[in-house]
Amino acid sequence: MSELNFIRTGRQEIDQLLPTIASFLKQDYLDVVIDSQKIRGYRSPDAKSIWIRDHSDMMRGFRYFETDMTSAVQHFADTQARSGRIFDYVTIFPEKLPSERENWTKYVRVPVEADVEYRFVKAAYLAWQTTGDDEWIRHLLPSMDRALNYIRSHPWRWDSIHQLVKRAYTIDSWDFAYSGGTHDWLQFQIDENTFWGLMHGDNSGYYQAFRIMETLYRRFADNERADYWRVEAEGLKERMNRICWNGRFYTHFVKLNPVTIPGVDEAAQLSFSNPIDINRGVANHEMAVSILREYQARKKQSGAFTDWFSIDPAFPDGVFGDELLKAGAYCNGGIMPLVGGELARAGFEHGFETYGVETLLQYSRLVAEKNETFLWYFPDGTASSIETSTSPDATPTDGWGSSSMLYALMEGLVGIEDRGKKFDRVRFAPRWPAANVNNAVIQIGYPSSGAKIGYDYRQSDLCIEIDLKTAKTAAECHILLPADRRAERVSVSGETVDFKTTRIEQSHYVDFICSVSKTTRIVIDLSSC
């Protein structure tokens, strides 16, 4: 593990998470050569291929040790269709062994998928944020615009009545659709029997993509385009929340044409994009709290070993066309660390900090047993396998879920969220009181650019002292206070600064703005409640 990144708290279950997840991710890359160009992508845990959806999510983890952040993103841009459509994945490896032996270069777009283009935009943004390469992202912006225009114009992707993204009836954002028995296996195609509807996770993904476009255009002083994407984003969020929110959580699938699946209580189905919706910013605080409480209640009701449900309740066994897709397996009710990480990140942000810590600790203990992590588990804790999956692989180094957990650790508990590029603007929100940690030494960085930021954290009954270290940043500070303490005074480099105290559920934070250059000392004087 490079000394560019470390977390030292004295609590082994916390300190080991970063190097353990890094060890998984370092086994998940694929180096391929296409048209004489070397491309490094991070593979799906269930297939030897580079999927933009897995790769873009995994970027939140591997950016802390990977130097090549752009080659895969650039390749998806270079192979973009004139319409703006992006491929789902590329591979040069035989996929259907033993019948397929040819090592062709193969590109695939799964027709039922509606989420690919926002994931491409997100991947481009994360690559820019990590490398800081303005020239590269400027050249990519037209491709990003075309991708989003494709989604809002193609009849398979856009519902003109509701002005929302639509898709075939899949399990959340998974890639096969319910066919009502008109197809003899998993249905990946659009045809005359397709059942259409609105899936909340697609729309929250495009909301985030629109906001990314706003951010980039604003960064490059094109305020007209930035304002355009801001209006588009806010309109999409308003329509999504009005149509997809059911009062407790986001309805799994808002049907656009009639379809009934026998044995399914559709009004009760809680699908995995719900916590992701929170982290993308479409759910307000009250909605986020409702979703988090719903997951906690489902864990108690279900008897599952944790609440990282892909969907709950599951669909009846085999209704999507494969007998392996029984209730509790894979995306049909399987338990997924990728959901757990999103739940933890949402918990840290919305007053459920202890829940966030408990989620990270549970994952830490789970992977420590055999130094293995899987895409999904059965509700009783049994790990997935090739024999129980519909996919050709089931690697024990799942980067999709582990990177989600690392995302929650870095932005939620450690509390460093890059809001610019190369940490030139950060939200600084350490939450160590939730983990009963009084002393922490942190450093995180991007090998692709050499940018880094770190801090020393010390908490006593009288004060919190933080030495924040980076070349230069504008920091929006949002620092969790111990449960029995309140802030009396805040100083930055010895100078008293204005602050406010914010209550989120039962948690109290001290909020202020500061500029950091090299090492800046922050002191929060505390008093008893």
Protein backbone atom coordinates (compact mmCIF):
# COMPACT_ATOMS: atom_id res chain seq x y z
CA MET A 1 0.00 0.00 0.00
CA SER A 2 1.53 3.30 -1.06
CA GLU A 3 2.18 5.77 1.71
CA LEU A 4 0.27 8.29 -0.37
CA ASN A 5 -2.86 6.89 1.27
CA PHE A 6 -3.26 5.82 4.87
CA ILE A 7 -5.72 5.88 7.76
CA ARG A 8 -4.34 5.44 11.27
CA THR A 9 -6.76 5.42 14.17
CA GLY A 10 -5.60 2.49 16.30
CA ARG A 11 -8.82 0.61 15.48
CA GLN A 12 -7.74 -2.30 13.28
CA GLU A 13 -11.18 -2.88 11.73
CA ILE A 14 -11.13 0.69 10.43
CA ASP A 15 -7.43 0.99 9.59
CA GLN A 16 -7.35 -2.25 7.57
CA LEU A 17 -10.26 -1.29 5.31
CA LEU A 18 -8.27 0.95 2.97
CA PRO A 19 -5.39 -1.50 2.30
CA THR A 20 -7.75 -4.47 2.11
CA ILE A 21 -10.04 -2.83 -0.46
CA ALA A 22 -7.00 -1.61 -2.40
CA SER A 23 -5.74 -5.20 -2.53
CA PHE A 24 -9.05 -6.31 -4.07
CA LEU A 25 -9.13 -3.53 -6.63
CA LYS A 26 -5.52 -4.13 -7.66
CA GLN A 27 -6.61 -7.58 -8.81
CA ASP A 28 -9.53 -6.27 -10.86
CA TYR A 29 -7.91 -4.33 -13.68
CA LEU A 30 -7.80 -5.48 -17.30
CA ASP A 31 -5.10 -4.27 -19.66
CA VAL A 32 -6.13 -4.63 -23.30
CA VAL A 33 -4.72 -3.37 -26.58
CA ILE A 34 -7.24 -2.19 -29.19
CA ASP A 35 -6.18 -0.47 -32.42
CA SER A 36 -2.64 -0.39 -31.01
CA GLN A 37 -3.80 1.65 -28.00
CA LYS A 38 -3.26 0.32 -24.48
CA ILE A 39 -6.41 0.61 -22.41
CA ARG A 40 -6.70 -0.07 -18.70
CA GLY A 41 -10.17 -0.75 -17.38
CA TYR A 42 -11.55 -2.28 -14.21
CA ARG A 43 -13.54 -5.42 -14.75
CA SER A 44 -16.93 -6.55 -13.66
CA PRO A 45 -16.69 -9.12 -10.85
CA ASP A 46 -18.84 -11.54 -12.84
CA ALA A 47 -17.31 -11.27 -16.34
CA LYS A 48 -13.90 -10.66 -17.93
CA SER A 49 -14.91 -7.44 -19.64
CA ILE A 50 -14.81 -3.67 -19.10
CA TRP A 51 -18.32 -2.37 -18.40
CA ILE A 52 -18.67 1.39 -18.15
CA ARG A 53 -21.13 0.99 -15.25
CA ASP A 54 -18.78 -1.07 -13.09
CA HIS A 55 -15.71 0.93 -14.15
CA SER A 56 -17.30 4.30 -13.39
CA ASP A 57 -18.41 3.24 -9.91
CA MET A 58 -15.08 1.58 -9.17
CA MET A 59 -13.27 4.81 -10.06
CA ARG A 60 -14.40 6.11 -6.68
CA GLY A 61 -12.04 3.52 -5.18
CA PHE A 62 -9.19 2.91 -7.58
CA ARG A 63 -8.46 6.61 -8.11
CA TYR A 64 -6.50 6.46 -4.84
CA PHE A 65 -3.85 4.16 -6.31
CA GLU A 66 -4.27 4.07 -10.13
CA THR A 67 -2.25 6.29 -12.47
CA ASP A 68 -4.27 5.65 -15.67
CA MET A 69 -7.63 7.30 -15.13
CA THR A 70 -8.46 8.27 -18.71
CA SER A 71 -7.71 5.52 -21.25
CA ALA A 72 -10.90 3.50 -20.72
CA VAL A 73 -13.12 6.59 -20.62
CA GLN A 74 -11.48 7.90 -23.76
CA HIS A 75 -12.09 4.58 -25.53
CA PHE A 76 -15.79 4.65 -24.75
CA ALA A 77 -15.87 8.20 -26.13
CA ASP A 78 -13.92 7.19 -29.26
CA THR A 79 -16.39 4.38 -30.00
CA GLN A 80 -19.50 6.49 -29.37
CA ALA A 81 -22.18 6.26 -32.08
CA ARG A 82 -23.18 9.33 -34.08
CA SER A 83 -26.49 9.28 -32.22
CA GLY A 84 -24.62 9.75 -28.95
CA ARG A 85 -25.14 6.17 -27.75
CA ILE A 86 -22.35 4.65 -25.63
CA PHE A 87 -21.45 0.97 -25.53
CA ASP A 88 -22.08 -0.96 -22.32
CA TYR A 89 -18.85 -2.90 -22.48
CA VAL A 90 -15.84 -4.02 -24.47
CA THR A 91 -13.86 -7.24 -24.23
CA ILE A 92 -11.17 -9.09 -26.15
CA PHE A 93 -11.67 -12.35 -24.27
CA PRO A 94 -13.90 -15.30 -25.24
CA GLU A 95 -17.09 -15.04 -23.20
CA LYS A 96 -19.06 -18.25 -23.75
CA LEU A 97 -16.54 -20.97 -23.06
CA PRO A 98 -16.12 -23.65 -24.25
CA SER A 99 -18.25 -22.93 -27.33
CA GLU A 100 -16.69 -19.53 -28.00
CA ARG A 101 -12.92 -19.59 -28.49
CA GLU A 102 -12.42 -16.50 -30.64
CA ASN A 103 -10.55 -13.61 -29.01
CA TRP A 104 -12.36 -10.98 -31.03
CA THR A 105 -12.65 -7.37 -29.94
CA LYS A 106 -16.31 -7.25 -29.05
CA TYR A 107 -18.49 -4.24 -28.22
CA VAL A 108 -21.95 -4.66 -26.71
CA ARG A 109 -24.84 -2.35 -25.96
CA VAL A 110 -27.60 -4.12 -24.07
CA PRO A 111 -30.78 -2.69 -25.65
CA VAL A 112 -32.84 -2.59 -22.44
CA GLU A 113 -30.25 -0.47 -20.62
CA ALA A 114 -31.01 3.22 -20.08
CA ASP A 115 -28.24 4.11 -17.62
CA VAL A 116 -25.11 3.84 -19.75
CA GLU A 117 -24.77 7.45 -20.84
CA TYR A 118 -24.94 8.99 -17.38
CA ARG A 119 -22.28 6.54 -16.22
CA PHE A 120 -20.04 7.67 -19.08
CA VAL A 121 -20.48 11.31 -18.01
CA LYS A 122 -19.74 10.40 -14.41
CA ALA A 123 -16.61 8.46 -15.41
CA ALA A 124 -15.31 11.40 -17.44
CA TYR A 125 -15.89 13.75 -14.52
CA LEU A 126 -14.10 11.52 -12.01
CA ALA A 127 -11.15 11.13 -14.38
CA TRP A 128 -10.91 14.92 -14.76
CA GLN A 129 -11.33 15.51 -11.05
CA THR A 130 -8.48 13.11 -10.25
CA THR A 131 -6.03 14.12 -12.98
CA GLY A 132 -6.97 17.79 -13.20
CA ASP A 133 -6.56 17.65 -16.99
CA ASP A 134 -8.64 20.58 -18.25
CA GLU A 135 -7.64 20.17 -21.88
CA TRP A 136 -8.70 16.51 -21.90
CA ILE A 137 -12.14 17.15 -20.42
CA ARG A 138 -12.74 20.15 -22.71
CA HIS A 139 -12.25 17.87 -25.73
CA LEU A 140 -14.62 15.31 -24.17
CA LEU A 141 -17.45 17.74 -23.40
CA PRO A 142 -19.05 17.43 -26.89
CA SER A 143 -19.21 13.63 -26.46
CA MET A 144 -20.81 14.08 -23.05
CA ASP A 145 -23.39 16.49 -24.50
CA ARG A 146 -24.21 14.05 -27.32
CA ALA A 147 -24.67 11.20 -24.86
CA LEU A 148 -27.18 13.16 -22.79
CA ASN A 149 -29.01 14.43 -25.87
CA TYR A 150 -29.36 10.83 -27.09
CA ILE A 151 -31.05 9.85 -23.85
CA ARG A 152 -33.52 12.73 -24.06
CA SER A 153 -34.46 12.10 -27.70
CA HIS A 154 -34.41 8.38 -28.45
CA PRO A 155 -37.85 6.72 -28.24
CA TRP A 156 -36.42 3.78 -26.28
CA ARG A 157 -34.97 6.08 -23.62
CA TRP A 158 -37.24 9.09 -23.12
CA ASP A 159 -40.88 9.27 -22.12
CA SER A 160 -42.15 12.46 -23.74
CA ILE A 161 -45.31 12.57 -21.61
CA HIS A 162 -43.65 12.51 -18.18
CA GLN A 163 -40.38 14.02 -19.44
CA LEU A 164 -38.38 11.32 -17.68
CA VAL A 165 -36.01 8.54 -18.69
CA LYS A 166 -37.77 5.24 -19.32
CA ARG A 167 -36.65 1.64 -19.67
CA ALA A 168 -37.92 -1.91 -20.08
CA TYR A 169 -39.14 -3.72 -16.94
CA THR A 170 -35.84 -4.76 -15.36
CA ILE A 171 -34.81 -5.31 -11.76
CA ASP A 172 -33.71 -1.78 -10.94
CA SER A 173 -30.80 -1.01 -13.32
CA TRP A 174 -29.94 -4.61 -14.14
CA ASP A 175 -29.69 -5.61 -17.78
CA PHE A 176 -32.49 -8.07 -18.53
CA ALA A 177 -36.21 -7.48 -18.71
CA TYR A 178 -39.39 -9.25 -17.73
CA SER A 179 -40.97 -10.75 -20.83
CA GLY A 180 -44.04 -12.46 -19.41
CA GLY A 181 -42.86 -15.74 -20.94
CA THR A 182 -42.61 -14.42 -24.51
CA HIS A 183 -38.85 -15.06 -24.53
CA ASP A 184 -37.22 -18.34 -23.55
CA TRP A 185 -34.38 -16.95 -21.39
CA LEU A 186 -33.12 -13.60 -20.07
CA GLN A 187 -34.53 -10.88 -22.32
CA PHE A 188 -32.00 -8.22 -23.31
CA GLN A 189 -33.81 -6.97 -26.41
CA ILE A 190 -36.52 -4.39 -27.02
CA ASP A 191 -39.43 -5.84 -29.00
CA GLU A 192 -43.19 -5.59 -29.45
CA ASN A 193 -43.72 -7.31 -26.07
CA THR A 194 -41.57 -4.90 -24.02
CA PHE A 195 -43.19 -3.58 -20.85
CA TRP A 196 -42.16 0.05 -20.36
CA GLY A 197 -41.82 2.11 -17.21
CA LEU A 198 -39.89 4.71 -15.24
CA MET A 199 -37.09 3.57 -12.92
CA HIS A 200 -35.98 6.08 -10.29
CA GLY A 201 -32.28 5.13 -10.43
CA ASP A 202 -31.99 6.07 -14.10
CA ASN A 203 -33.41 9.48 -13.44
CA SER A 204 -31.28 10.21 -10.38
CA GLY A 205 -28.26 9.20 -12.46
CA TYR A 206 -29.15 11.70 -15.16
CA TYR A 207 -29.83 14.37 -12.56
CA GLN A 208 -26.27 13.85 -11.32
CA ALA A 209 -24.94 13.88 -14.89
CA PHE A 210 -26.73 17.16 -15.64
CA ARG A 211 -25.22 18.67 -12.50
CA ILE A 212 -21.78 17.48 -13.60
CA MET A 213 -22.27 19.28 -16.90
CA GLU A 214 -23.27 22.41 -15.03
CA THR A 215 -20.16 22.16 -12.86
CA LEU A 216 -17.80 21.72 -15.80
CA TYR A 217 -19.28 24.48 -17.92
CA ARG A 218 -19.22 26.80 -14.92
CA ARG A 219 -15.60 25.90 -14.34
CA PHE A 220 -14.78 26.91 -17.90
CA ALA A 221 -16.79 30.16 -17.66
CA ASP A 222 -19.55 29.09 -20.05
CA ASN A 223 -22.35 30.30 -17.83
CA GLU A 224 -25.01 30.00 -20.50
CA ARG A 225 -24.47 26.24 -20.87
CA ALA A 226 -24.04 25.88 -17.13
CA ASP A 227 -27.40 27.57 -16.51
CA TYR A 228 -29.01 25.37 -19.15
CA TRP A 229 -27.91 22.17 -17.43
CA ARG A 230 -28.88 23.51 -14.00
CA VAL A 231 -32.45 24.11 -15.21
CA GLU A 232 -32.55 20.68 -16.86
CA ALA A 233 -31.34 19.03 -13.66
CA GLU A 234 -33.83 20.76 -11.38
CA GLY A 235 -36.72 19.99 -13.72
CA LEU A 236 -35.79 16.32 -13.86
CA LYS A 237 -35.52 16.10 -10.07
CA GLU A 238 -38.89 17.74 -9.56
CA ARG A 239 -40.64 15.40 -11.99
CA MET A 240 -38.90 12.31 -10.63
CA ASN A 241 -39.81 13.11 -7.02
CA ARG A 242 -43.39 13.90 -7.94
CA ILE A 243 -43.93 10.73 -9.97
CA CYS A 244 -41.63 8.10 -8.42
CA TRP A 245 -41.76 8.88 -4.67
CA ASN A 246 -44.41 6.83 -2.85
CA GLY A 247 -44.24 8.51 0.56
CA ARG A 248 -41.71 6.07 2.08
CA PHE A 249 -39.22 5.36 -0.70
CA TYR A 250 -38.93 5.43 -4.48
CA THR A 251 -41.30 3.07 -6.27
CA HIS A 252 -39.28 0.42 -8.03
CA PHE A 253 -40.98 0.66 -11.43
CA VAL A 254 -43.65 3.16 -12.42
CA LYS A 255 -45.42 1.31 -15.23
CA LEU A 256 -46.24 3.02 -18.49
CA ASN A 257 -48.21 0.10 -19.90
CA PRO A 258 -50.19 -2.56 -18.04
CA VAL A 259 -48.37 -5.60 -16.68
CA THR A 260 -48.97 -7.75 -13.63
CA ILE A 261 -46.45 -10.28 -12.35
CA PRO A 262 -48.24 -12.92 -10.26
CA GLY A 263 -47.00 -13.10 -6.69
CA VAL A 264 -45.34 -9.68 -6.67
CA ASP A 265 -46.30 -6.97 -4.18
CA GLU A 266 -44.97 -4.13 -6.33
CA ALA A 267 -45.99 -1.43 -3.87
CA ALA A 268 -43.64 -2.95 -1.25
CA GLN A 269 -40.58 -3.51 -3.43
CA LEU A 270 -37.57 -1.55 -2.23
CA SER A 271 -34.85 -1.54 -4.90
CA PHE A 272 -31.15 -0.83 -4.55
CA SER A 273 -31.04 2.56 -6.29
CA ASN A 274 -32.84 4.11 -3.30
CA PRO A 275 -29.70 4.87 -1.24
CA ILE A 276 -27.89 5.80 -4.47
CA ASP A 277 -30.64 8.34 -5.13
CA ILE A 278 -29.84 9.92 -1.77
CA ASN A 279 -26.14 10.22 -2.57
CA ARG A 280 -26.86 11.71 -6.00
CA GLY A 281 -28.79 14.52 -4.35
CA VAL A 282 -32.38 14.01 -5.51
CA ALA A 283 -33.79 13.06 -2.10
CA ASN A 284 -34.17 15.77 0.53
CA HIS A 285 -33.30 15.05 4.17
CA GLU A 286 -36.77 13.84 5.16
CA MET A 287 -36.89 11.47 2.19
CA ALA A 288 -33.39 10.20 2.96
CA VAL A 289 -34.33 9.48 6.57
CA SER A 290 -37.43 7.61 5.43
CA ILE A 291 -35.38 5.44 3.07
CA LEU A 292 -32.73 4.66 5.68
CA ARG A 293 -35.33 3.72 8.27
CA GLU A 294 -37.04 1.51 5.70
CA TYR A 295 -33.83 -0.46 5.16
CA GLN A 296 -33.29 -0.85 8.88
CA ALA A 297 -36.85 -2.10 9.33
CA ARG A 298 -36.49 -4.58 6.45
CA LYS A 299 -33.42 -6.09 8.09
CA LYS A 300 -35.38 -6.79 11.26
CA GLN A 301 -38.34 -8.17 9.35
CA SER A 302 -36.38 -10.35 6.92
CA GLY A 303 -33.88 -12.09 9.17
CA ALA A 304 -31.17 -11.41 6.57
CA PHE A 305 -27.62 -11.07 7.89
CA THR A 306 -27.62 -7.42 6.79
CA ASP A 307 -29.79 -4.90 4.96
CA TRP A 308 -27.83 -4.49 1.71
CA PHE A 309 -30.78 -5.76 -0.35
CA SER A 310 -30.68 -5.69 -4.14
CA ILE A 311 -34.48 -5.72 -3.98
CA ASP A 312 -36.91 -6.57 -1.19
CA PRO A 313 -39.21 -8.41 -1.42
CA ALA A 314 -37.77 -10.42 -4.29
CA PHE A 315 -39.55 -11.53 -7.43
CA PRO A 316 -40.81 -15.12 -7.56
CA ASP A 317 -38.25 -17.73 -8.57
CA GLY A 318 -37.41 -17.76 -12.25
CA VAL A 319 -39.93 -15.21 -13.55
CA PHE A 320 -37.20 -13.38 -15.47
CA GLY A 321 -36.43 -16.49 -17.46
CA ASP A 322 -33.60 -18.21 -15.59
CA GLU A 323 -34.12 -20.72 -12.79
CA LEU A 324 -30.96 -19.46 -11.05
CA LEU A 325 -32.72 -16.13 -10.46
CA LYS A 326 -34.56 -17.38 -7.43
CA ALA A 327 -35.54 -15.18 -4.52
CA GLY A 328 -32.45 -14.17 -2.56
CA ALA A 329 -30.02 -14.73 -5.43
CA TYR A 330 -28.00 -12.18 -7.40
CA CYS A 331 -29.98 -9.02 -8.20
CA ASN A 332 -33.25 -10.74 -7.17
CA GLY A 333 -32.95 -10.16 -3.44
CA GLY A 334 -29.27 -10.98 -3.04
CA ILE A 335 -27.25 -9.02 -0.49
CA MET A 336 -24.80 -6.64 -2.19
CA PRO A 337 -21.87 -4.72 -0.65
CA LEU A 338 -22.32 -2.12 -3.39
CA VAL A 339 -25.67 -1.29 -1.73
CA GLY A 340 -24.11 -1.36 1.73
CA GLY A 341 -21.55 1.26 0.80
CA GLU A 342 -24.24 3.56 -0.57
CA LEU A 343 -26.32 3.07 2.59
CA ALA A 344 -23.33 3.90 4.77
CA ARG A 345 -22.52 7.04 2.76
CA ALA A 346 -26.15 8.18 2.99
CA GLY A 347 -26.21 7.42 6.70
CA PHE A 348 -23.15 9.55 7.40
CA GLU A 349 -24.72 12.49 5.58
CA HIS A 350 -28.16 12.34 7.19
CA GLY A 351 -27.66 11.86 10.92
CA PHE A 352 -27.22 8.07 10.94
CA GLU A 353 -23.46 8.20 11.55
CA THR A 354 -23.40 5.23 13.93
CA TYR A 355 -25.26 3.18 11.32
CA GLY A 356 -22.65 4.20 8.76
CA VAL A 357 -19.82 3.10 11.04
CA GLU A 358 -21.56 -0.20 11.86
CA THR A 359 -21.98 -0.90 8.14
CA LEU A 360 -18.28 -0.35 7.47
CA LEU A 361 -17.29 -2.50 10.44
CA GLN A 362 -19.60 -5.31 9.37
CA TYR A 363 -18.04 -5.28 5.92
CA SER A 364 -14.54 -5.18 7.43
CA ARG A 365 -15.29 -8.28 9.49
CA LEU A 366 -16.96 -10.02 6.54
CA VAL A 367 -13.98 -9.67 4.22
CA ALA A 368 -11.40 -10.36 6.93
CA GLU A 369 -12.67 -13.93 7.42
CA LYS A 370 -11.10 -15.22 4.17
CA ASN A 371 -9.72 -12.05 2.59
CA GLU A 372 -12.47 -12.36 -0.02
CA THR A 373 -15.34 -10.18 -1.18
CA PHE A 374 -18.13 -11.09 -3.59
CA LEU A 375 -20.59 -9.17 -5.73
CA TRP A 376 -23.48 -10.69 -3.80
CA TYR A 377 -24.39 -13.02 -0.95
CA PHE A 378 -27.50 -14.99 -0.12
CA PRO A 379 -29.50 -13.51 2.79
CA ASP A 380 -28.07 -16.17 5.14
CA GLY A 381 -24.54 -14.96 4.37
CA THR A 382 -23.53 -17.67 1.89
CA ALA A 383 -21.30 -16.20 -0.81
CA SER A 384 -22.23 -16.33 -4.48
CA SER A 385 -20.51 -18.78 -6.82
CA ILE A 386 -20.34 -19.57 -10.52
CA GLU A 387 -22.84 -22.36 -9.94
CA THR A 388 -25.41 -20.00 -8.39
CA SER A 389 -24.88 -17.10 -10.84
CA THR A 390 -26.18 -16.40 -14.32
CA SER A 391 -22.77 -14.96 -15.21
CA PRO A 392 -19.59 -16.75 -16.33
CA ASP A 393 -17.49 -15.70 -13.34
CA ALA A 394 -17.72 -14.94 -9.62
CA THR A 395 -14.39 -13.48 -8.55
CA PRO A 396 -13.61 -13.20 -4.82
CA THR A 397 -12.15 -9.70 -5.32
CA ASP A 398 -15.34 -7.80 -6.18
CA GLY A 399 -14.30 -4.24 -6.93
CA TRP A 400 -17.81 -2.91 -7.43
CA GLY A 401 -18.95 -3.43 -3.85
CA SER A 402 -15.57 -2.84 -2.23
CA SER A 403 -15.15 0.52 -3.98
CA SER A 404 -18.62 1.51 -2.74
CA MET A 405 -17.48 0.78 0.80
CA LEU A 406 -14.28 2.77 0.22
CA TYR A 407 -16.40 5.67 -1.06
CA ALA A 408 -18.34 5.63 2.22
CA LEU A 409 -15.16 5.38 4.27
CA MET A 410 -13.35 8.24 2.52
CA GLU A 411 -16.18 10.72 2.09
CA GLY A 412 -18.36 9.64 5.01
CA LEU A 413 -16.12 8.76 7.95
CA VAL A 414 -12.74 10.22 6.99
CA GLY A 415 -14.77 13.08 5.56
CA ILE A 416 -12.79 14.33 2.57
CA GLU A 417 -15.01 14.97 -0.45
CA ASP A 418 -13.31 16.47 -3.49
CA ARG A 419 -15.64 19.14 -4.89
CA GLY A 420 -13.25 20.60 -7.39
CA LYS A 421 -10.23 18.97 -8.98
CA LYS A 422 -7.14 17.66 -7.23
CA PHE A 423 -8.62 18.74 -3.87
CA ASP A 424 -8.61 22.46 -4.72
CA ARG A 425 -12.13 22.64 -3.23
CA VAL A 426 -13.19 20.18 -0.57
CA ARG A 427 -15.97 19.47 1.83
CA PHE A 428 -14.22 18.56 5.04
CA ALA A 429 -16.53 16.51 7.26
CA PRO A 430 -14.68 14.13 9.60
CA ARG A 431 -17.03 12.07 11.75
CA TRP A 432 -14.70 10.32 14.19
CA PRO A 433 -16.90 10.73 17.30
CA ALA A 434 -19.34 8.26 15.68
CA ALA A 435 -16.56 5.64 15.65
CA ASN A 436 -15.30 6.44 19.17
CA VAL A 437 -11.98 7.57 17.70
CA ASN A 438 -10.18 10.40 19.51
CA ASN A 439 -6.99 10.44 17.46
CA ALA A 440 -6.54 9.91 13.73
CA VAL A 441 -3.80 10.54 11.19
CA ILE A 442 -5.05 10.65 7.62
CA GLN A 443 -3.60 11.14 4.18
CA ILE A 444 -5.25 10.50 0.82
CA GLY A 445 -4.06 11.30 -2.65
CA TYR A 446 -4.29 10.69 -6.37
CA PRO A 447 -1.23 9.00 -7.96
CA SER A 448 -2.38 10.17 -11.40
CA SER A 449 -1.70 13.80 -10.48
CA GLY A 450 0.23 13.68 -7.24
CA ALA A 451 -2.42 15.74 -5.47
CA LYS A 452 -2.88 14.91 -1.81
CA ILE A 453 -4.58 16.10 1.34
CA GLY A 454 -4.38 14.91 4.93
CA TYR A 455 -4.94 15.83 8.53
CA ASP A 456 -4.12 15.01 12.13
CA TYR A 457 -7.20 14.84 14.34
CA ARG A 458 -7.14 15.09 18.15
CA GLN A 459 -10.20 15.19 20.37
CA SER A 460 -10.40 15.81 24.11
CA ASP A 461 -13.12 16.97 26.48
CA LEU A 462 -11.99 20.55 25.96
CA CYS A 463 -11.42 20.81 22.23
CA ILE A 464 -11.00 19.27 18.81
CA GLU A 465 -7.68 20.11 17.17
CA ILE A 466 -7.13 19.41 13.49
CA ASP A 467 -4.00 20.07 11.46
CA LEU A 468 -5.27 20.12 7.87
CA LYS A 469 -2.50 19.65 5.33
CA THR A 470 -2.56 20.24 1.58
CA ALA A 471 -0.94 22.52 -0.99
CA LYS A 472 -3.94 24.82 -1.22
CA THR A 473 -7.69 24.38 -0.88
CA ALA A 474 -10.93 26.12 -0.10
CA ALA A 475 -12.57 24.01 2.60
CA GLU A 476 -16.24 23.87 3.49
CA CYS A 477 -15.98 22.46 7.01
CA HIS A 478 -18.78 20.37 8.50
CA ILE A 479 -17.31 18.73 11.58
CA LEU A 480 -19.21 16.28 13.79
CA LEU A 481 -19.18 17.14 17.47
CA PRO A 482 -19.14 14.59 20.30
CA ALA A 483 -22.64 13.79 21.52
CA ASP A 484 -22.26 15.60 24.86
CA ARG A 485 -20.35 18.64 23.60
CA ARG A 486 -21.10 21.91 21.82
CA ALA A 487 -18.81 24.38 20.05
CA GLU A 488 -17.92 27.57 21.95
CA ARG A 489 -15.28 29.00 19.63
CA VAL A 490 -13.62 28.11 16.35
CA SER A 491 -10.20 29.37 15.32
CA VAL A 492 -8.25 28.86 12.10
CA SER A 493 -4.50 29.52 12.31
CA GLY A 494 -5.12 31.29 15.62
CA GLU A 495 -7.80 33.64 14.29
CA THR A 496 -11.39 33.35 15.51
CA VAL A 497 -13.84 32.64 12.68
CA ASP A 498 -17.60 32.77 12.40
CA PHE A 499 -19.38 29.43 12.61
CA LYS A 500 -22.81 27.95 13.04
CA THR A 501 -24.02 24.77 14.66
CA THR A 502 -26.24 22.52 12.57
CA ARG A 503 -28.40 19.75 13.93
CA ILE A 504 -29.03 16.72 11.69
CA GLU A 505 -31.35 14.29 13.44
CA GLN A 506 -29.63 13.86 16.84
CA SER A 507 -26.18 14.85 15.60
CA HIS A 508 -24.58 18.28 15.89
CA TYR A 509 -22.04 19.73 13.47
CA VAL A 510 -20.01 22.89 13.46
CA ASP A 511 -19.98 24.59 10.05
CA PHE A 512 -17.56 27.21 8.73
CA ILE A 513 -15.44 28.11 5.72
CA CYS A 514 -11.67 28.35 5.64
CA SER A 515 -8.73 28.52 3.28
CA VAL A 516 -5.90 26.05 3.72
CA SER A 517 -2.31 26.44 2.58
CA LYS A 518 0.31 23.85 3.56
CA THR A 519 -0.60 23.14 7.22
CA THR A 520 -3.52 24.96 8.80
CA ARG A 521 -4.56 24.39 12.41
CA ILE A 522 -8.26 24.33 13.25
CA VAL A 523 -9.29 24.43 16.92
CA ILE A 524 -12.86 23.94 18.09
CA ASP A 525 -13.27 24.81 21.78
CA LEU A 526 -15.92 22.62 23.40
CA SER A 527 -18.29 22.91 26.33
CA SER A 528 -20.64 20.45 27.97
CA CYS A 529 -24.28 20.38 26.87
